[in-house]
Amino acid sequence: MTVSYHNIHAMKTFAENYAKATNTFFSIQPEITDAVILGLAFHKETLGMPLCPCRFYEDKEDESNLAYWNCPCVPMRERKECHCMLFLSEESDFASKKQKFS
């Protein structure tokens, strides 16, 4: 999977801003956060939308057009439930104290 630096940087910037705005945090396991960012960047590049990379879709293009699972997805926006574990509440056992990338 080849993804442009531009899209990876865009997804990192989005994630930092969104984490700060929602008082959520990245995972204590940076490889989880990195994999989700890479998946979002890949979907942004191939579909034009940052479709949640952690779900199975019959048709990714149709799903991205519906926007329900585009990051931040509806469950995250409405209930702060992030299936990908990109945005975790402070109470989560898997949350770090990080809202920025090194």
PDB file of N, CA and C in Angstrom:
ATOM      1  N   MET A   1       0.858  -1.174   0.000  1.00  0.00           N
ATOM      2  CA  MET A   1       0.000   0.000   0.000  1.00  0.00           C
ATOM      3  C   MET A   1       0.903   1.235   0.000  1.00  0.00           C
ATOM      4  N   THR A   2       0.762   2.045  -1.002  1.00  0.00           N
ATOM      5  CA  THR A   2       1.509   3.287  -1.096  1.00  0.00           C
ATOM      6  C   THR A   2       0.550   4.441  -0.827  1.00  0.00           C
ATOM      7  N   VAL A   3       0.945   5.280   0.109  1.00  0.00           N
ATOM      8  CA  VAL A   3       0.115   6.423   0.477  1.00  0.00           C
ATOM      9  C   VAL A   3       0.995   7.663   0.478  1.00  0.00           C
ATOM     10  N   SER A   4       0.482   8.746  -0.048  1.00  0.00           N
ATOM     11  CA  SER A   4       1.275   9.967  -0.133  1.00  0.00           C
ATOM     12  C   SER A   4       1.513  10.576   1.251  1.00  0.00           C
ATOM     13  N   TYR A   5       2.653  11.207   1.367  1.00  0.00           N
ATOM     14  CA  TYR A   5       2.998  11.917   2.601  1.00  0.00           C
ATOM     15  C   TYR A   5       1.930  12.962   2.912  1.00  0.00           C
ATOM     16  N   HIS A   6       1.428  13.621   1.892  1.00  0.00           N
ATOM     17  CA  HIS A   6       0.413  14.670   2.063  1.00  0.00           C
ATOM     18  C   HIS A   6      -0.817  14.133   2.807  1.00  0.00           C
ATOM     19  N   ASN A   7      -1.317  12.967   2.396  1.00  0.00           N
ATOM     20  CA  ASN A   7      -2.505  12.406   3.040  1.00  0.00           C
ATOM     21  C   ASN A   7      -2.211  11.888   4.439  1.00  0.00           C
ATOM     22  N   ILE A   8      -1.041  11.318   4.649  1.00  0.00           N
ATOM     23  CA  ILE A   8      -0.663  10.882   6.000  1.00  0.00           C
ATOM     24  C   ILE A   8      -0.575  12.092   6.921  1.00  0.00           C
ATOM     25  N   HIS A   9       0.075  13.140   6.453  1.00  0.00           N
ATOM     26  CA  HIS A   9       0.197  14.363   7.256  1.00  0.00           C
ATOM     27  C   HIS A   9      -1.177  14.971   7.541  1.00  0.00           C
ATOM     28  N   ALA A  10      -2.052  14.975   6.544  1.00  0.00           N
ATOM     29  CA  ALA A  10      -3.404  15.517   6.719  1.00  0.00           C
ATOM     30  C   ALA A  10      -4.169  14.733   7.781  1.00  0.00           C
ATOM     31  N   MET A  11      -4.049  13.410   7.774  1.00  0.00           N
ATOM     32  CA  MET A  11      -4.762  12.581   8.750  1.00  0.00           C
ATOM     33  C   MET A  11      -4.173  12.738  10.152  1.00  0.00           C
ATOM     34  N   LYS A  12      -2.866  12.909  10.240  1.00  0.00           N
ATOM     35  CA  LYS A  12      -2.241  13.152  11.548  1.00  0.00           C
ATOM     36  C   LYS A  12      -2.691  14.497  12.118  1.00  0.00           C
ATOM     37  N   THR A  13      -2.713  15.508  11.277  1.00  0.00           N
ATOM     38  CA  THR A  13      -3.149  16.834  11.722  1.00  0.00           C
ATOM     39  C   THR A  13      -4.605  16.797  12.155  1.00  0.00           C
ATOM     40  N   PHE A  14      -5.448  16.135  11.353  1.00  0.00           N
ATOM     41  CA  PHE A  14      -6.849  15.975  11.719  1.00  0.00           C
ATOM     42  C   PHE A  14      -6.973  15.274  13.073  1.00  0.00           C
ATOM     43  N   ALA A  15      -6.264  14.163  13.258  1.00  0.00           N
ATOM     44  CA  ALA A  15      -6.365  13.370  14.492  1.00  0.00           C
ATOM     45  C   ALA A  15      -5.924  14.181  15.706  1.00  0.00           C
ATOM     46  N   GLU A  16      -4.843  14.919  15.587  1.00  0.00           N
ATOM     47  CA  GLU A  16      -4.384  15.763  16.701  1.00  0.00           C
ATOM     48  C   GLU A  16      -5.431  16.815  17.061  1.00  0.00           C
ATOM     49  N   ASN A  17      -5.955  17.485  16.058  1.00  0.00           N
ATOM     50  CA  ASN A  17      -6.965  18.525  16.306  1.00  0.00           C
ATOM     51  C   ASN A  17      -8.241  17.940  16.895  1.00  0.00           C
ATOM     52  N   TYR A  18      -8.663  16.796  16.378  1.00  0.00           N
ATOM     53  CA  TYR A  18      -9.900  16.190  16.856  1.00  0.00           C
ATOM     54  C   TYR A  18      -9.728  15.659  18.282  1.00  0.00           C
ATOM     55  N   ALA A  19      -8.591  15.055  18.569  1.00  0.00           N
ATOM     56  CA  ALA A  19      -8.329  14.557  19.924  1.00  0.00           C
ATOM     57  C   ALA A  19      -8.362  15.711  20.930  1.00  0.00           C
ATOM     58  N   LYS A  20      -7.742  16.797  20.576  1.00  0.00           N
ATOM     59  CA  LYS A  20      -7.733  17.957  21.470  1.00  0.00           C
ATOM     60  C   LYS A  20      -9.145  18.518  21.651  1.00  0.00           C
ATOM     61  N   ALA A  21      -9.886  18.643  20.560  1.00  0.00           N
ATOM     62  CA  ALA A  21     -11.238  19.219  20.612  1.00  0.00           C
ATOM     63  C   ALA A  21     -12.212  18.348  21.403  1.00  0.00           C
ATOM     64  N   THR A  22     -12.002  17.030  21.388  1.00  0.00           N
ATOM     65  CA  THR A  22     -12.926  16.113  22.055  1.00  0.00           C
ATOM     66  C   THR A  22     -12.385  15.564  23.366  1.00  0.00           C
ATOM     67  N   ASN A  23     -11.199  16.041  23.765  1.00  0.00           N
ATOM     68  CA  ASN A  23     -10.536  15.562  24.983  1.00  0.00           C
ATOM     69  C   ASN A  23     -10.412  14.037  24.972  1.00  0.00           C
ATOM     70  N   THR A  24      -9.962  13.509  23.842  1.00  0.00           N
ATOM     71  CA  THR A  24      -9.679  12.091  23.713  1.00  0.00           C
ATOM     72  C   THR A  24      -8.181  11.925  23.483  1.00  0.00           C
ATOM     73  N   PHE A  25      -7.728  10.672  23.558  1.00  0.00           N
ATOM     74  CA  PHE A  25      -6.295  10.406  23.530  1.00  0.00           C
ATOM     75  C   PHE A  25      -5.986   9.223  22.623  1.00  0.00           C
ATOM     76  N   PHE A  26      -4.745   9.181  22.148  1.00  0.00           N
ATOM     77  CA  PHE A  26      -4.299   8.082  21.307  1.00  0.00           C
ATOM     78  C   PHE A  26      -3.976   6.867  22.175  1.00  0.00           C
ATOM     79  N   SER A  27      -3.844   5.736  21.552  1.00  0.00           N
ATOM     80  CA  SER A  27      -3.586   4.475  22.246  1.00  0.00           C
ATOM     81  C   SER A  27      -2.189   4.450  22.873  1.00  0.00           C
ATOM     82  N   ILE A  28      -2.071   3.655  23.927  1.00  0.00           N
ATOM     83  CA  ILE A  28      -0.748   3.443  24.533  1.00  0.00           C
ATOM     84  C   ILE A  28       0.134   2.610  23.603  1.00  0.00           C
ATOM     85  N   GLN A  29      -0.486   1.975  22.621  1.00  0.00           N
ATOM     86  CA  GLN A  29       0.265   1.209  21.629  1.00  0.00           C
ATOM     87  C   GLN A  29       0.328   2.016  20.336  1.00  0.00           C
ATOM     88  N   PRO A  30       1.445   2.697  20.090  1.00  0.00           N
ATOM     89  CA  PRO A  30       1.539   3.584  18.930  1.00  0.00           C
ATOM     90  C   PRO A  30       1.317   2.872  17.593  1.00  0.00           C
ATOM     91  N   GLU A  31       1.582   1.576  17.535  1.00  0.00           N
ATOM     92  CA  GLU A  31       1.367   0.864  16.267  1.00  0.00           C
ATOM     93  C   GLU A  31      -0.117   0.801  15.900  1.00  0.00           C
ATOM     94  N   ILE A  32      -0.998   0.827  16.892  1.00  0.00           N
ATOM     95  CA  ILE A  32      -2.434   0.878  16.605  1.00  0.00           C
ATOM     96  C   ILE A  32      -2.777   2.217  15.963  1.00  0.00           C
ATOM     97  N   THR A  33      -2.333   3.280  16.595  1.00  0.00           N
ATOM     98  CA  THR A  33      -2.593   4.625  16.068  1.00  0.00           C
ATOM     99  C   THR A  33      -2.002   4.778  14.671  1.00  0.00           C
ATOM    100  N   ASP A  34      -0.780   4.317  14.486  1.00  0.00           N
ATOM    101  CA  ASP A  34      -0.129   4.424  13.171  1.00  0.00           C
ATOM    102  C   ASP A  34      -0.893   3.659  12.095  1.00  0.00           C
ATOM    103  N   ALA A  35      -1.365   2.456  12.426  1.00  0.00           N
ATOM    104  CA  ALA A  35      -2.101   1.648  11.449  1.00  0.00           C
ATOM    105  C   ALA A  35      -3.417   2.320  11.063  1.00  0.00           C
ATOM    106  N   VAL A  36      -4.101   2.906  12.033  1.00  0.00           N
ATOM    107  CA  VAL A  36      -5.371   3.578  11.738  1.00  0.00           C
ATOM    108  C   VAL A  36      -5.125   4.816  10.878  1.00  0.00           C
ATOM    109  N   ILE A  37      -4.116   5.604  11.218  1.00  0.00           N
ATOM    110  CA  ILE A  37      -3.778   6.798  10.429  1.00  0.00           C
ATOM    111  C   ILE A  37      -3.445   6.395   8.989  1.00  0.00           C
ATOM    112  N   LEU A  38      -2.666   5.352   8.827  1.00  0.00           N
ATOM    113  CA  LEU A  38      -2.303   4.886   7.487  1.00  0.00           C
ATOM    114  C   LEU A  38      -3.549   4.432   6.722  1.00  0.00           C
ATOM    115  N   GLY A  39      -4.435   3.713   7.380  1.00  0.00           N
ATOM    116  CA  GLY A  39      -5.675   3.276   6.733  1.00  0.00           C
ATOM    117  C   GLY A  39      -6.573   4.436   6.344  1.00  0.00           C
ATOM    118  N   LEU A  40      -6.693   5.415   7.223  1.00  0.00           N
ATOM    119  CA  LEU A  40      -7.488   6.610   6.904  1.00  0.00           C
ATOM    120  C   LEU A  40      -6.885   7.360   5.722  1.00  0.00           C
ATOM    121  N   ALA A  41      -5.560   7.503   5.723  1.00  0.00           N
ATOM    122  CA  ALA A  41      -4.877   8.202   4.627  1.00  0.00           C
ATOM    123  C   ALA A  41      -5.056   7.454   3.307  1.00  0.00           C
ATOM    124  N   PHE A  42      -4.988   6.126   3.363  1.00  0.00           N
ATOM    125  CA  PHE A  42      -5.186   5.320   2.157  1.00  0.00           C
ATOM    126  C   PHE A  42      -6.596   5.516   1.605  1.00  0.00           C
ATOM    127  N   HIS A  43      -7.589   5.483   2.479  1.00  0.00           N
ATOM    128  CA  HIS A  43      -8.964   5.688   2.018  1.00  0.00           C
ATOM    129  C   HIS A  43      -9.190   7.112   1.524  1.00  0.00           C
ATOM    130  N   LYS A  44      -8.568   8.070   2.172  1.00  0.00           N
ATOM    131  CA  LYS A  44      -8.685   9.455   1.693  1.00  0.00           C
ATOM    132  C   LYS A  44      -8.112   9.564   0.283  1.00  0.00           C
ATOM    133  N   GLU A  45      -7.002   8.878   0.066  1.00  0.00           N
ATOM    134  CA  GLU A  45      -6.345   8.922  -1.238  1.00  0.00           C
ATOM    135  C   GLU A  45      -7.132   8.158  -2.310  1.00  0.00           C
ATOM    136  N   THR A  46      -7.670   7.006  -1.963  1.00  0.00           N
ATOM    137  CA  THR A  46      -8.322   6.167  -2.967  1.00  0.00           C
ATOM    138  C   THR A  46      -9.817   6.432  -3.111  1.00  0.00           C
ATOM    139  N   LEU A  47     -10.465   6.900  -2.039  1.00  0.00           N
ATOM    140  CA  LEU A  47     -11.906   7.132  -2.075  1.00  0.00           C
ATOM    141  C   LEU A  47     -12.283   8.605  -1.986  1.00  0.00           C
ATOM    142  N   GLY A  48     -11.318   9.425  -1.588  1.00  0.00           N
ATOM    143  CA  GLY A  48     -11.594  10.846  -1.401  1.00  0.00           C
ATOM    144  C   GLY A  48     -12.156  11.162  -0.025  1.00  0.00           C
ATOM    145  N   MET A  49     -12.338  10.131   0.810  1.00  0.00           N
ATOM    146  CA  MET A  49     -12.891  10.284   2.158  1.00  0.00           C
ATOM    147  C   MET A  49     -12.128   9.390   3.121  1.00  0.00           C
ATOM    148  N   PRO A  50     -11.959   9.818   4.366  1.00  0.00           N
ATOM    149  CA  PRO A  50     -11.262   8.992   5.350  1.00  0.00           C
ATOM    150  C   PRO A  50     -12.209   7.957   5.974  1.00  0.00           C
ATOM    151  N   LEU A  51     -12.568   6.951   5.191  1.00  0.00           N
ATOM    152  CA  LEU A  51     -13.458   5.885   5.646  1.00  0.00           C
ATOM    153  C   LEU A  51     -12.759   5.066   6.725  1.00  0.00           C
ATOM    154  N   CYS A  52     -13.488   4.715   7.780  1.00  0.00           N
ATOM    155  CA  CYS A  52     -12.947   3.904   8.869  1.00  0.00           C
ATOM    156  C   CYS A  52     -12.253   2.667   8.291  1.00  0.00           C
ATOM    157  N   PRO A  53     -10.962   2.470   8.588  1.00  0.00           N
ATOM    158  CA  PRO A  53     -10.241   1.342   8.007  1.00  0.00           C
ATOM    159  C   PRO A  53     -10.409   0.038   8.780  1.00  0.00           C
ATOM    160  N   CYS A  54     -11.133   0.065   9.883  1.00  0.00           N
ATOM    161  CA  CYS A  54     -11.216  -1.098  10.766  1.00  0.00           C
ATOM    162  C   CYS A  54     -12.480  -1.922  10.565  1.00  0.00           C
ATOM    163  N   ARG A  55     -13.229  -1.639   9.542  1.00  0.00           N
ATOM    164  CA  ARG A  55     -14.480  -2.348   9.280  1.00  0.00           C
ATOM    165  C   ARG A  55     -14.440  -2.974   7.896  1.00  0.00           C
ATOM    166  N   PHE A  56     -15.291  -3.975   7.713  1.00  0.00           N
ATOM    167  CA  PHE A  56     -15.435  -4.604   6.404  1.00  0.00           C
ATOM    168  C   PHE A  56     -16.617  -3.952   5.685  1.00  0.00           C
ATOM    169  N   TYR A  57     -16.444  -3.676   4.414  1.00  0.00           N
ATOM    170  CA  TYR A  57     -17.498  -3.069   3.601  1.00  0.00           C
ATOM    171  C   TYR A  57     -17.665  -3.878   2.324  1.00  0.00           C
ATOM    172  N   GLU A  58     -18.911  -4.126   1.956  1.00  0.00           N
ATOM    173  CA  GLU A  58     -19.193  -4.776   0.672  1.00  0.00           C
ATOM    174  C   GLU A  58     -18.703  -3.878  -0.461  1.00  0.00           C
ATOM    175  N   ASP A  59     -18.965  -2.577  -0.323  1.00  0.00           N
ATOM    176  CA  ASP A  59     -18.582  -1.609  -1.341  1.00  0.00           C
ATOM    177  C   ASP A  59     -18.080  -0.345  -0.643  1.00  0.00           C
ATOM    178  N   LYS A  60     -16.779  -0.181  -0.595  1.00  0.00           N
ATOM    179  CA  LYS A  60     -16.176   0.954   0.120  1.00  0.00           C
ATOM    180  C   LYS A  60     -16.614   2.302  -0.447  1.00  0.00           C
ATOM    181  N   GLU A  61     -16.738   2.371  -1.759  1.00  0.00           N
ATOM    182  CA  GLU A  61     -17.130   3.639  -2.376  1.00  0.00           C
ATOM    183  C   GLU A  61     -18.546   4.040  -1.945  1.00  0.00           C
ATOM    184  N   ASP A  62     -19.467   3.083  -1.962  1.00  0.00           N
ATOM    185  CA  ASP A  62     -20.828   3.374  -1.497  1.00  0.00           C
ATOM    186  C   ASP A  62     -20.821   3.816  -0.039  1.00  0.00           C
ATOM    187  N   GLU A  63     -20.088   3.102   0.791  1.00  0.00           N
ATOM    188  CA  GLU A  63     -20.018   3.439   2.218  1.00  0.00           C
ATOM    189  C   GLU A  63     -19.436   4.833   2.438  1.00  0.00           C
ATOM    190  N   SER A  64     -18.404   5.168   1.691  1.00  0.00           N
ATOM    191  CA  SER A  64     -17.804   6.497   1.871  1.00  0.00           C
ATOM    192  C   SER A  64     -18.777   7.596   1.457  1.00  0.00           C
ATOM    193  N   ASN A  65     -19.606   7.324   0.460  1.00  0.00           N
ATOM    194  CA  ASN A  65     -20.613   8.304   0.035  1.00  0.00           C
ATOM    195  C   ASN A  65     -21.712   8.494   1.072  1.00  0.00           C
ATOM    196  N   LEU A  66     -22.009   7.456   1.834  1.00  0.00           N
ATOM    197  CA  LEU A  66     -23.023   7.561   2.895  1.00  0.00           C
ATOM    198  C   LEU A  66     -22.517   8.397   4.067  1.00  0.00           C
ATOM    199  N   ALA A  67     -21.207   8.405   4.270  1.00  0.00           N
ATOM    200  CA  ALA A  67     -20.513   9.222   5.279  1.00  0.00           C
ATOM    201  C   ALA A  67     -20.693   8.750   6.722  1.00  0.00           C
ATOM    202  N   TYR A  68     -21.448   7.693   6.974  1.00  0.00           N
ATOM    203  CA  TYR A  68     -21.657   7.236   8.350  1.00  0.00           C
ATOM    204  C   TYR A  68     -20.342   6.811   8.995  1.00  0.00           C
ATOM    205  N   TRP A  69     -19.513   6.062   8.245  1.00  0.00           N
ATOM    206  CA  TRP A  69     -18.250   5.561   8.793  1.00  0.00           C
ATOM    207  C   TRP A  69     -17.042   6.415   8.407  1.00  0.00           C
ATOM    208  N   ASN A  70     -17.269   7.580   7.815  1.00  0.00           N
ATOM    209  CA  ASN A  70     -16.145   8.479   7.541  1.00  0.00           C
ATOM    210  C   ASN A  70     -15.692   9.093   8.857  1.00  0.00           C
ATOM    211  N   CYS A  71     -14.406   9.143   9.063  1.00  0.00           N
ATOM    212  CA  CYS A  71     -13.831   9.607  10.325  1.00  0.00           C
ATOM    213  C   CYS A  71     -13.941  11.130  10.459  1.00  0.00           C
ATOM    214  N   PRO A  72     -14.432  11.614  11.589  1.00  0.00           N
ATOM    215  CA  PRO A  72     -14.954  10.869  12.721  1.00  0.00           C
ATOM    216  C   PRO A  72     -16.334  10.318  12.383  1.00  0.00           C
ATOM    217  N   CYS A  73     -16.519   9.040  12.653  1.00  0.00           N
ATOM    218  CA  CYS A  73     -17.774   8.369  12.312  1.00  0.00           C
ATOM    219  C   CYS A  73     -18.899   8.829  13.241  1.00  0.00           C
ATOM    220  N   VAL A  74     -20.105   8.468  12.890  1.00  0.00           N
ATOM    221  CA  VAL A  74     -21.275   8.869  13.678  1.00  0.00           C
ATOM    222  C   VAL A  74     -21.184   8.359  15.118  1.00  0.00           C
ATOM    223  N   PRO A  75     -20.809   7.090  15.372  1.00  0.00           N
ATOM    224  CA  PRO A  75     -20.694   6.665  16.767  1.00  0.00           C
ATOM    225  C   PRO A  75     -19.682   7.495  17.573  1.00  0.00           C
ATOM    226  N   MET A  76     -18.611   7.914  16.929  1.00  0.00           N
ATOM    227  CA  MET A  76     -17.628   8.750  17.626  1.00  0.00           C
ATOM    228  C   MET A  76     -18.203  10.132  17.894  1.00  0.00           C
ATOM    229  N   ARG A  77     -18.820  10.708  16.903  1.00  0.00           N
ATOM    230  CA  ARG A  77     -19.365  12.058  17.076  1.00  0.00           C
ATOM    231  C   ARG A  77     -20.494  12.084  18.101  1.00  0.00           C
ATOM    232  N   GLU A  78     -21.322  11.053  18.113  1.00  0.00           N
ATOM    233  CA  GLU A  78     -22.485  11.054  18.999  1.00  0.00           C
ATOM    234  C   GLU A  78     -22.199  10.520  20.398  1.00  0.00           C
ATOM    235  N   ARG A  79     -21.342   9.472  20.502  1.00  0.00           N
ATOM    236  CA  ARG A  79     -21.162   8.817  21.801  1.00  0.00           C
ATOM    237  C   ARG A  79     -19.715   8.662  22.234  1.00  0.00           C
ATOM    238  N   LYS A  80     -18.780   9.222  21.448  1.00  0.00           N
ATOM    239  CA  LYS A  80     -17.346   9.061  21.711  1.00  0.00           C
ATOM    240  C   LYS A  80     -16.956   7.587  21.761  1.00  0.00           C
ATOM    241  N   GLU A  81     -17.489   6.813  20.811  1.00  0.00           N
ATOM    242  CA  GLU A  81     -17.147   5.401  20.669  1.00  0.00           C
ATOM    243  C   GLU A  81     -16.361   5.213  19.389  1.00  0.00           C
ATOM    244  N   CYS A  82     -15.067   4.983  19.525  1.00  0.00           N
ATOM    245  CA  CYS A  82     -14.193   4.818  18.365  1.00  0.00           C
ATOM    246  C   CYS A  82     -13.810   3.348  18.235  1.00  0.00           C
ATOM    247  N   HIS A  83     -14.401   2.689  17.252  1.00  0.00           N
ATOM    248  CA  HIS A  83     -14.146   1.276  16.987  1.00  0.00           C
ATOM    249  C   HIS A  83     -12.664   1.031  16.694  1.00  0.00           C
ATOM    250  N   CYS A  84     -12.006   1.968  16.066  1.00  0.00           N
ATOM    251  CA  CYS A  84     -10.599   1.828  15.667  1.00  0.00           C
ATOM    252  C   CYS A  84      -9.614   2.030  16.820  1.00  0.00           C
ATOM    253  N   MET A  85     -10.097   2.569  17.911  1.00  0.00           N
ATOM    254  CA  MET A  85      -9.247   2.924  19.053  1.00  0.00           C
ATOM    255  C   MET A  85      -8.270   4.057  18.716  1.00  0.00           C
ATOM    256  N   LEU A  86      -8.658   4.897  17.786  1.00  0.00           N
ATOM    257  CA  LEU A  86      -7.842   6.076  17.495  1.00  0.00           C
ATOM    258  C   LEU A  86      -8.098   7.147  18.540  1.00  0.00           C
ATOM    259  N   PHE A  87      -9.345   7.340  18.899  1.00  0.00           N
ATOM    260  CA  PHE A  87      -9.728   8.353  19.883  1.00  0.00           C
ATOM    261  C   PHE A  87     -10.306   7.650  21.113  1.00  0.00           C
ATOM    262  N   LEU A  88      -9.565   7.701  22.208  1.00  0.00           N
ATOM    263  CA  LEU A  88      -9.964   7.007  23.432  1.00  0.00           C
ATOM    264  C   LEU A  88     -10.219   8.000  24.558  1.00  0.00           C
ATOM    265  N   SER A  89     -11.212   7.686  25.368  1.00  0.00           N
ATOM    266  CA  SER A  89     -11.475   8.539  26.525  1.00  0.00           C
ATOM    267  C   SER A  89     -10.372   8.344  27.557  1.00  0.00           C
ATOM    268  N   GLU A  90     -10.226   9.313  28.404  1.00  0.00           N
ATOM    269  CA  GLU A  90      -9.191   9.275  29.444  1.00  0.00           C
ATOM    270  C   GLU A  90      -9.357   8.053  30.347  1.00  0.00           C
ATOM    271  N   GLU A  91     -10.584   7.578  30.518  1.00  0.00           N
ATOM    272  CA  GLU A  91     -10.869   6.448  31.395  1.00  0.00           C
ATOM    273  C   GLU A  91     -10.481   5.094  30.796  1.00  0.00           C
ATOM    274  N   SER A  92     -10.244   5.049  29.506  1.00  0.00           N
ATOM    275  CA  SER A  92      -9.913   3.786  28.847  1.00  0.00           C
ATOM    276  C   SER A  92      -8.573   3.244  29.342  1.00  0.00           C
ATOM    277  N   ASP A  93      -8.530   1.942  29.554  1.00  0.00           N
ATOM    278  CA  ASP A  93      -7.278   1.293  29.959  1.00  0.00           C
ATOM    279  C   ASP A  93      -6.221   1.354  28.865  1.00  0.00           C
ATOM    280  N   PHE A  94      -6.639   1.650  27.647  1.00  0.00           N
ATOM    281  CA  PHE A  94      -5.716   1.672  26.515  1.00  0.00           C
ATOM    282  C   PHE A  94      -5.296   3.082  26.106  1.00  0.00           C
ATOM    283  N   ALA A  95      -5.804   4.091  26.815  1.00  0.00           N
ATOM    284  CA  ALA A  95      -5.505   5.483  26.457  1.00  0.00           C
ATOM    285  C   ALA A  95      -4.158   5.921  27.012  1.00  0.00           C
ATOM    286  N   SER A  96      -3.417   6.612  26.175  1.00  0.00           N
ATOM    287  CA  SER A  96      -2.186   7.267  26.632  1.00  0.00           C
ATOM    288  C   SER A  96      -2.576   8.667  27.085  1.00  0.00           C
ATOM    289  N   LYS A  97      -1.619   9.493  27.304  1.00  0.00           N
ATOM    290  CA  LYS A  97      -1.866  10.907  27.607  1.00  0.00           C
ATOM    291  C   LYS A  97      -1.544  11.767  26.381  1.00  0.00           C
ATOM    292  N   LYS A  98      -1.368  11.106  25.241  1.00  0.00           N
ATOM    293  CA  LYS A  98      -0.935  11.809  24.032  1.00  0.00           C
ATOM    294  C   LYS A  98      -2.098  12.224  23.151  1.00  0.00           C
ATOM    295  N   GLN A  99      -1.998  13.466  22.704  1.00  0.00           N
ATOM    296  CA  GLN A  99      -2.921  14.021  21.720  1.00  0.00           C
ATOM    297  C   GLN A  99      -2.151  14.579  20.528  1.00  0.00           C
ATOM    298  N   LYS A 100      -0.854  14.346  20.511  1.00  0.00           N
ATOM    299  CA  LYS A 100       0.016  14.815  19.429  1.00  0.00           C
ATOM    300  C   LYS A 100       0.960  13.682  19.048  1.00  0.00           C
ATOM    301  N   PHE A 101       1.420  13.725  17.810  1.00  0.00           N
ATOM    302  CA  PHE A 101       2.421  12.781  17.343  1.00  0.00           C
ATOM    303  C   PHE A 101       3.794  13.343  17.627  1.00  0.00           C
ATOM    304  N   SER A 102       4.754  12.460  17.869  1.00  0.00           N
ATOM    305  CA  SER A 102       6.123  12.916  18.138  1.00  0.00           C
ATOM    306  C   SER A 102       6.772  13.401  16.873  1.00  0.00           C
TER     307      SER A 102
END
